[in-house]
N, C-alpha and C. Protein backbone atom coordinates (compact mmCIF):
# COMPACT_ATOMS: atom_id res chain seq x y z
N MET A 1 0.82 -1.11 0.02
CA MET A 1 -0.09 -0.03 -0.02
C MET A 1 0.89 1.24 0.00
N GLN A 2 0.66 2.11 -0.87
CA GLN A 2 1.37 3.35 -1.02
C GLN A 2 0.75 4.37 -0.21
N PHE A 3 1.66 5.19 0.49
CA PHE A 3 1.20 6.37 1.24
C PHE A 3 0.91 7.47 0.21
N ASP A 4 -0.30 7.96 0.16
CA ASP A 4 -0.62 9.00 -0.71
C ASP A 4 -0.30 10.34 -0.12
N PRO A 5 0.79 11.03 -0.69
CA PRO A 5 1.27 12.32 -0.13
C PRO A 5 0.14 13.45 -0.21
N ASN A 6 -0.86 13.14 -0.97
CA ASN A 6 -1.93 14.22 -1.01
C ASN A 6 -3.05 13.91 -0.06
N ASN A 7 -3.00 12.80 0.64
CA ASN A 7 -4.01 12.45 1.70
C ASN A 7 -3.87 13.41 2.94
N ASN A 8 -4.83 14.01 3.27
CA ASN A 8 -4.73 14.97 4.43
C ASN A 8 -4.32 14.26 5.74
N VAL A 9 -4.79 13.03 5.99
CA VAL A 9 -4.46 12.44 7.29
C VAL A 9 -2.87 12.13 7.15
N VAL A 10 -2.45 11.69 6.06
CA VAL A 10 -0.94 11.37 5.90
C VAL A 10 -0.22 12.61 6.01
N LYS A 11 -0.66 13.70 5.50
CA LYS A 11 0.00 15.02 5.61
C LYS A 11 0.09 15.38 7.06
N LEU A 12 -1.02 15.32 7.78
CA LEU A 12 -1.07 15.77 9.21
C LEU A 12 0.04 14.83 10.01
N CYS A 13 0.07 13.56 9.70
CA CYS A 13 0.85 12.70 10.44
C CYS A 13 2.35 13.03 10.10
N ALA A 14 2.69 13.30 8.81
CA ALA A 14 4.03 13.63 8.49
C ALA A 14 4.44 15.01 9.08
N GLN A 15 3.54 15.89 9.13
CA GLN A 15 3.84 17.27 9.90
C GLN A 15 4.05 16.92 11.39
N GLY A 16 3.25 16.11 11.90
CA GLY A 16 3.49 15.72 13.31
C GLY A 16 4.85 15.10 13.62
N MET A 17 5.24 14.19 12.64
CA MET A 17 6.54 13.62 12.80
C MET A 17 7.64 14.57 12.73
N GLY A 18 7.46 15.57 11.87
CA GLY A 18 8.38 16.67 11.87
C GLY A 18 8.57 17.47 13.11
N LEU A 19 7.46 17.69 13.79
CA LEU A 19 7.44 18.25 15.12
C LEU A 19 7.96 17.44 16.14
N GLU A 20 7.75 16.13 16.07
CA GLU A 20 8.37 15.16 17.02
C GLU A 20 9.89 15.38 16.93
N GLY A 21 10.45 15.42 15.73
CA GLY A 21 11.83 15.48 15.45
C GLY A 21 12.42 16.75 16.05
N GLU A 22 11.59 17.77 16.28
CA GLU A 22 12.02 18.95 16.81
C GLU A 22 11.74 19.07 18.29
N GLY A 23 11.31 17.91 18.89
CA GLY A 23 10.97 17.81 20.30
C GLY A 23 9.66 18.67 20.69
N ARG A 24 8.87 18.91 19.63
CA ARG A 24 7.66 19.66 19.96
C ARG A 24 6.43 18.72 19.99
N ASN A 25 6.54 17.88 21.06
CA ASN A 25 5.62 16.74 21.13
C ASN A 25 4.21 17.12 21.30
N GLU A 26 3.95 18.26 22.18
CA GLU A 26 2.54 18.49 22.36
C GLU A 26 1.84 19.07 21.05
N GLU A 27 2.66 19.77 20.37
CA GLU A 27 2.15 20.25 19.04
C GLU A 27 1.91 19.05 18.11
N ALA A 28 2.84 18.10 18.09
CA ALA A 28 2.72 16.93 17.31
C ALA A 28 1.43 16.16 17.62
N LEU A 29 1.30 16.00 18.99
CA LEU A 29 0.01 15.19 19.35
C LEU A 29 -1.27 15.91 18.88
N LYS A 30 -1.34 17.21 18.83
CA LYS A 30 -2.46 17.91 18.30
C LYS A 30 -2.72 17.58 16.80
N LEU A 31 -1.57 17.56 16.10
CA LEU A 31 -1.71 17.15 14.64
C LEU A 31 -2.21 15.67 14.52
N PHE A 32 -1.68 14.75 15.25
CA PHE A 32 -2.03 13.37 15.25
C PHE A 32 -3.47 13.18 15.66
N GLN A 33 -3.84 13.96 16.72
CA GLN A 33 -5.32 13.86 17.13
C GLN A 33 -6.21 14.40 16.03
N GLN A 34 -5.78 15.51 15.39
CA GLN A 34 -6.59 16.06 14.20
C GLN A 34 -6.67 15.04 13.08
N ALA A 35 -5.59 14.33 12.84
CA ALA A 35 -5.56 13.23 11.81
C ALA A 35 -6.63 12.27 12.21
N TRP A 36 -6.68 11.75 13.45
CA TRP A 36 -7.63 10.75 13.87
C TRP A 36 -8.97 11.29 13.79
N ASP A 37 -9.23 12.53 14.13
CA ASP A 37 -10.54 13.11 14.01
C ASP A 37 -11.08 13.16 12.58
N GLU A 38 -10.09 13.37 11.66
CA GLU A 38 -10.42 13.46 10.19
C GLU A 38 -10.44 12.11 9.50
N ALA A 39 -9.95 10.99 10.08
CA ALA A 39 -9.67 9.78 9.51
C ALA A 39 -11.13 9.20 9.06
N LYS A 40 -11.23 8.73 7.75
CA LYS A 40 -12.43 8.21 7.31
C LYS A 40 -12.45 6.72 6.99
N ASN A 41 -11.24 6.20 6.84
CA ASN A 41 -11.14 4.73 6.50
C ASN A 41 -10.20 4.03 7.39
N ASP A 42 -10.14 2.70 7.27
CA ASP A 42 -9.23 1.84 8.13
C ASP A 42 -7.91 2.27 8.09
N PHE A 43 -7.33 2.56 6.97
CA PHE A 43 -5.90 2.98 6.76
C PHE A 43 -5.66 4.16 7.54
N GLU A 44 -6.46 5.18 7.29
CA GLU A 44 -6.27 6.50 7.91
C GLU A 44 -6.40 6.36 9.48
N LYS A 45 -7.31 5.52 9.90
CA LYS A 45 -7.54 5.29 11.37
C LYS A 45 -6.26 4.56 11.93
N PHE A 46 -5.83 3.48 11.24
CA PHE A 46 -4.68 2.75 11.68
C PHE A 46 -3.43 3.75 11.78
N THR A 47 -3.23 4.54 10.81
CA THR A 47 -2.10 5.38 10.71
C THR A 47 -2.17 6.42 11.83
N SER A 48 -3.27 7.09 12.05
CA SER A 48 -3.35 8.15 13.09
C SER A 48 -3.25 7.61 14.44
N ALA A 49 -3.99 6.49 14.65
CA ALA A 49 -3.94 5.95 16.01
C ALA A 49 -2.66 5.47 16.41
N HIS A 50 -1.87 4.98 15.50
CA HIS A 50 -0.43 4.66 15.79
C HIS A 50 0.31 5.79 16.32
N TYR A 51 0.16 6.94 15.67
CA TYR A 51 0.90 8.17 16.15
C TYR A 51 0.39 8.76 17.45
N VAL A 52 -0.97 8.71 17.63
CA VAL A 52 -1.56 9.15 18.82
C VAL A 52 -1.09 8.36 20.02
N ALA A 53 -0.97 7.00 19.76
CA ALA A 53 -0.46 6.17 20.94
C ALA A 53 0.88 6.55 21.45
N ARG A 54 1.66 7.02 20.55
CA ARG A 54 3.10 7.37 20.92
C ARG A 54 3.22 8.53 21.98
N HIS A 55 2.11 9.25 22.12
CA HIS A 55 2.11 10.44 22.97
C HIS A 55 1.24 10.38 24.16
N GLN A 56 0.78 9.21 24.52
CA GLN A 56 -0.15 9.18 25.63
C GLN A 56 0.70 9.10 26.94
N LYS A 57 0.12 9.78 27.98
CA LYS A 57 0.82 9.81 29.22
C LYS A 57 0.72 8.66 30.14
N SER A 58 -0.30 7.93 29.99
CA SER A 58 -0.59 6.77 30.83
C SER A 58 -0.44 5.50 29.95
N LEU A 59 0.13 4.48 30.58
CA LEU A 59 0.18 3.17 29.93
C LEU A 59 -1.08 2.57 29.47
N ALA A 60 -2.21 2.76 30.29
CA ALA A 60 -3.51 2.32 29.89
C ALA A 60 -3.94 2.94 28.55
N ASP A 61 -3.70 4.32 28.53
CA ASP A 61 -4.11 5.08 27.30
C ASP A 61 -3.27 4.56 26.06
N LYS A 62 -2.07 4.46 26.35
CA LYS A 62 -1.15 4.00 25.25
C LYS A 62 -1.63 2.68 24.73
N LEU A 63 -1.93 1.65 25.62
CA LEU A 63 -2.32 0.42 25.22
C LEU A 63 -3.65 0.56 24.44
N LYS A 64 -4.55 1.34 24.91
CA LYS A 64 -5.86 1.50 24.25
C LYS A 64 -5.60 1.94 22.74
N TRP A 65 -4.70 2.93 22.56
CA TRP A 65 -4.43 3.46 21.24
C TRP A 65 -3.61 2.48 20.38
N ASP A 66 -2.74 1.81 20.97
CA ASP A 66 -1.94 0.70 20.25
C ASP A 66 -2.96 -0.38 19.79
N GLU A 67 -3.82 -0.76 20.73
CA GLU A 67 -4.84 -1.70 20.29
C GLU A 67 -5.75 -1.22 19.13
N THR A 68 -6.12 0.01 19.28
CA THR A 68 -6.87 0.70 18.22
C THR A 68 -6.16 0.58 16.92
N ALA A 69 -4.96 0.95 16.84
CA ALA A 69 -4.10 0.90 15.56
C ALA A 69 -4.04 -0.48 15.11
N LEU A 70 -3.90 -1.40 15.87
CA LEU A 70 -3.79 -2.85 15.39
C LEU A 70 -5.15 -3.30 14.90
N HIS A 71 -6.27 -2.90 15.57
CA HIS A 71 -7.61 -3.35 15.20
C HIS A 71 -7.81 -2.80 13.74
N PHE A 72 -7.49 -1.50 13.38
CA PHE A 72 -7.74 -1.01 12.13
C PHE A 72 -6.73 -1.63 11.01
N ALA A 73 -5.52 -1.94 11.47
CA ALA A 73 -4.56 -2.49 10.55
C ALA A 73 -4.94 -3.88 10.13
N LEU A 74 -5.61 -4.70 11.09
CA LEU A 74 -6.07 -6.03 10.75
C LEU A 74 -7.24 -6.06 9.85
N LYS A 75 -7.96 -4.92 9.64
CA LYS A 75 -9.04 -4.80 8.80
C LYS A 75 -8.75 -4.38 7.41
N ILE A 76 -7.43 -3.94 7.23
CA ILE A 76 -7.01 -3.49 5.90
C ILE A 76 -6.67 -4.71 5.04
N ASN A 77 -7.28 -4.91 3.85
CA ASN A 77 -6.99 -6.01 3.07
C ASN A 77 -5.80 -5.61 2.08
N ASP A 78 -4.61 -5.68 2.53
CA ASP A 78 -3.48 -5.29 1.77
C ASP A 78 -2.24 -6.00 2.47
N GLU A 79 -1.60 -6.79 1.66
CA GLU A 79 -0.46 -7.54 2.14
C GLU A 79 0.65 -6.67 2.71
N THR A 80 0.79 -5.52 2.15
CA THR A 80 1.88 -4.68 2.65
C THR A 80 1.76 -4.14 4.04
N ILE A 81 0.47 -4.05 4.54
CA ILE A 81 0.19 -3.58 5.92
C ILE A 81 0.73 -4.67 6.89
N LYS A 82 0.58 -5.94 6.44
CA LYS A 82 1.15 -6.96 7.40
C LYS A 82 2.57 -6.71 7.92
N ALA A 83 3.35 -6.05 7.20
CA ALA A 83 4.75 -5.75 7.75
C ALA A 83 4.72 -4.85 8.96
N SER A 84 3.52 -4.19 9.14
CA SER A 84 3.41 -3.35 10.45
C SER A 84 3.05 -4.14 11.55
N TYR A 85 2.47 -5.34 11.40
CA TYR A 85 2.06 -6.20 12.54
C TYR A 85 3.06 -6.46 13.56
N PRO A 86 4.34 -6.81 13.28
CA PRO A 86 5.29 -6.98 14.29
C PRO A 86 5.51 -5.82 15.23
N SER A 87 5.53 -4.66 14.66
CA SER A 87 5.76 -3.42 15.44
C SER A 87 4.49 -3.15 16.36
N LEU A 88 3.31 -3.36 15.77
CA LEU A 88 2.12 -3.12 16.51
C LEU A 88 2.07 -4.10 17.65
N TYR A 89 2.28 -5.38 17.46
CA TYR A 89 2.27 -6.33 18.47
C TYR A 89 3.24 -6.07 19.52
N LEU A 90 4.48 -5.68 19.06
CA LEU A 90 5.57 -5.33 19.92
C LEU A 90 5.22 -4.19 20.84
N ASN A 91 4.51 -3.12 20.40
CA ASN A 91 4.14 -1.98 21.24
C ASN A 91 3.11 -2.46 22.30
N ILE A 92 2.17 -3.24 21.81
CA ILE A 92 1.18 -3.82 22.76
C ILE A 92 1.81 -4.72 23.77
N ALA A 93 2.71 -5.55 23.44
CA ALA A 93 3.40 -6.45 24.47
C ALA A 93 4.20 -5.59 25.38
N LYS A 94 4.77 -4.59 24.99
CA LYS A 94 5.65 -3.75 25.89
C LYS A 94 4.73 -3.03 26.86
N CYS A 95 3.48 -2.60 26.45
CA CYS A 95 2.54 -1.95 27.35
C CYS A 95 2.11 -2.97 28.44
N TYR A 96 1.74 -4.23 28.05
CA TYR A 96 1.43 -5.20 29.00
C TYR A 96 2.59 -5.50 29.94
N GLU A 97 3.76 -5.52 29.38
CA GLU A 97 4.90 -5.81 30.26
C GLU A 97 5.09 -4.69 31.28
N ASP A 98 4.99 -3.48 30.81
CA ASP A 98 5.12 -2.38 31.77
C ASP A 98 4.02 -2.31 32.70
N LEU A 99 2.83 -2.90 32.46
CA LEU A 99 1.71 -3.01 33.36
C LEU A 99 1.83 -4.26 34.30
N ASN A 100 2.93 -4.95 34.19
CA ASN A 100 3.18 -6.25 34.92
C ASN A 100 2.21 -7.35 34.60
N ASP A 101 1.64 -7.30 33.41
CA ASP A 101 0.82 -8.36 32.88
C ASP A 101 1.57 -9.25 31.95
N PHE A 102 2.47 -10.13 32.53
CA PHE A 102 3.45 -10.82 31.82
C PHE A 102 2.82 -11.86 30.86
N SER A 103 1.71 -12.41 31.25
CA SER A 103 1.03 -13.44 30.44
C SER A 103 0.57 -12.77 29.01
N ASN A 104 -0.08 -11.62 29.17
CA ASN A 104 -0.47 -10.93 27.96
C ASN A 104 0.64 -10.36 27.18
N ALA A 105 1.72 -9.97 27.86
CA ALA A 105 2.95 -9.52 27.21
C ALA A 105 3.58 -10.60 26.39
N ASN A 106 3.64 -11.78 26.95
CA ASN A 106 4.27 -12.87 26.20
C ASN A 106 3.39 -13.31 25.03
N ILE A 107 2.05 -13.26 25.25
CA ILE A 107 1.23 -13.66 24.05
C ILE A 107 1.47 -12.74 22.97
N HIS A 108 1.52 -11.26 23.24
CA HIS A 108 1.80 -10.38 22.18
C HIS A 108 3.17 -10.33 21.56
N TYR A 109 4.26 -10.73 22.46
CA TYR A 109 5.56 -10.80 21.96
C TYR A 109 5.60 -11.96 20.96
N GLN A 110 4.93 -13.07 21.33
CA GLN A 110 4.95 -14.32 20.41
C GLN A 110 4.15 -13.93 19.08
N LEU A 111 3.07 -13.14 19.18
CA LEU A 111 2.44 -12.78 18.01
C LEU A 111 3.28 -11.87 17.16
N ALA A 112 3.96 -11.00 17.77
CA ALA A 112 4.96 -10.09 17.03
C ALA A 112 5.93 -11.05 16.32
N LEU A 113 6.57 -12.03 17.10
CA LEU A 113 7.52 -12.89 16.47
C LEU A 113 7.00 -13.70 15.30
N SER A 114 5.73 -14.14 15.39
CA SER A 114 5.06 -14.82 14.37
C SER A 114 5.01 -14.04 12.94
N PHE A 115 5.04 -12.72 12.98
CA PHE A 115 5.07 -11.94 11.82
C PHE A 115 6.39 -11.31 11.49
N ALA A 116 7.44 -11.62 12.31
CA ALA A 116 8.78 -10.99 12.13
C ALA A 116 9.32 -11.26 10.82
N GLY A 117 9.02 -12.32 10.10
CA GLY A 117 9.44 -12.65 8.89
C GLY A 117 9.05 -11.67 7.80
N LEU A 118 8.02 -10.91 8.09
CA LEU A 118 7.51 -9.87 7.11
C LEU A 118 8.34 -8.58 7.21
N LEU A 119 9.18 -8.50 8.18
CA LEU A 119 10.02 -7.23 8.33
C LEU A 119 11.08 -7.17 7.30
N PRO A 120 11.38 -5.91 6.94
CA PRO A 120 12.55 -5.73 5.95
C PRO A 120 13.92 -6.14 6.67
N ASP A 121 14.81 -6.52 5.80
CA ASP A 121 16.12 -6.88 6.33
C ASP A 121 16.97 -5.55 6.36
N ASN A 122 16.68 -4.67 7.30
CA ASN A 122 17.47 -3.45 7.36
C ASN A 122 17.46 -3.04 8.87
N GLY A 123 17.92 -1.82 9.15
CA GLY A 123 18.07 -1.37 10.50
C GLY A 123 16.70 -1.36 11.22
N TYR A 124 15.66 -0.85 10.55
CA TYR A 124 14.32 -0.91 11.25
C TYR A 124 13.92 -2.26 11.58
N GLY A 125 13.96 -3.24 10.53
CA GLY A 125 13.51 -4.53 10.77
C GLY A 125 14.28 -5.26 11.90
N ASN A 126 15.60 -5.01 11.88
CA ASN A 126 16.45 -5.63 12.95
C ASN A 126 16.13 -5.04 14.27
N MET A 127 15.85 -3.76 14.37
CA MET A 127 15.46 -3.13 15.66
C MET A 127 14.19 -3.76 16.22
N ILE A 128 13.21 -3.95 15.35
CA ILE A 128 12.03 -4.53 15.79
C ILE A 128 12.16 -5.99 16.25
N LYS A 129 12.89 -6.73 15.46
CA LYS A 129 13.24 -8.17 15.77
C LYS A 129 14.03 -8.23 17.13
N THR A 130 14.98 -7.36 17.51
CA THR A 130 15.68 -7.33 18.57
C THR A 130 14.78 -6.98 19.76
N GLY A 131 13.86 -6.08 19.59
CA GLY A 131 12.96 -5.71 20.62
C GLY A 131 12.04 -6.89 20.98
N ILE A 132 11.61 -7.62 19.98
CA ILE A 132 10.74 -8.78 20.20
C ILE A 132 11.55 -9.82 21.12
N MET A 133 12.72 -10.07 20.63
CA MET A 133 13.54 -11.21 21.25
C MET A 133 13.86 -10.74 22.72
N LYS A 134 14.21 -9.50 22.91
CA LYS A 134 14.46 -9.01 24.24
C LYS A 134 13.26 -9.09 25.20
N GLY A 135 12.14 -8.68 24.57
CA GLY A 135 10.85 -8.74 25.35
C GLY A 135 10.56 -10.17 25.73
N ILE A 136 10.64 -11.07 24.78
CA ILE A 136 10.35 -12.52 25.10
C ILE A 136 11.22 -12.94 26.28
N GLU A 137 12.54 -12.64 26.23
CA GLU A 137 13.42 -13.05 27.28
C GLU A 137 13.09 -12.41 28.62
N ARG A 138 12.59 -11.16 28.65
CA ARG A 138 12.18 -10.49 29.97
C ARG A 138 10.97 -11.09 30.54
N VAL A 139 10.03 -11.61 29.78
CA VAL A 139 8.77 -12.08 30.29
C VAL A 139 8.66 -13.56 30.49
N LYS A 140 9.74 -14.29 30.24
CA LYS A 140 9.65 -15.78 30.37
C LYS A 140 9.32 -16.15 31.71
């Protein structure tokens, strides 16, 4: 699935990422929240929820938004979106781990691992794979 640079939700998320890079996290969150509010389809909802999740102050809220992002990603009928599953499951697993719910953390780390073969063989893919393996070790 190609990101349409003319899509307003994609534009808002890209602008928010720019603000994140400048350390302007509150302003970034406002753009991500605006993207969520304007999202009309599963792809837009998945994308915006993923970014909203990154700026939640409580673990419970972060988990809710990460689960929302996963929910919409799973509804998208496009093979390329499946490469996002390992990262999404990793984020959820880490929330459960931080909440001391090691059973659910392990389940989600294992789900992340089950999709790890879809990750690219590059720095990003290796970072996600390492995160999954370290998480599994921590919650054994």
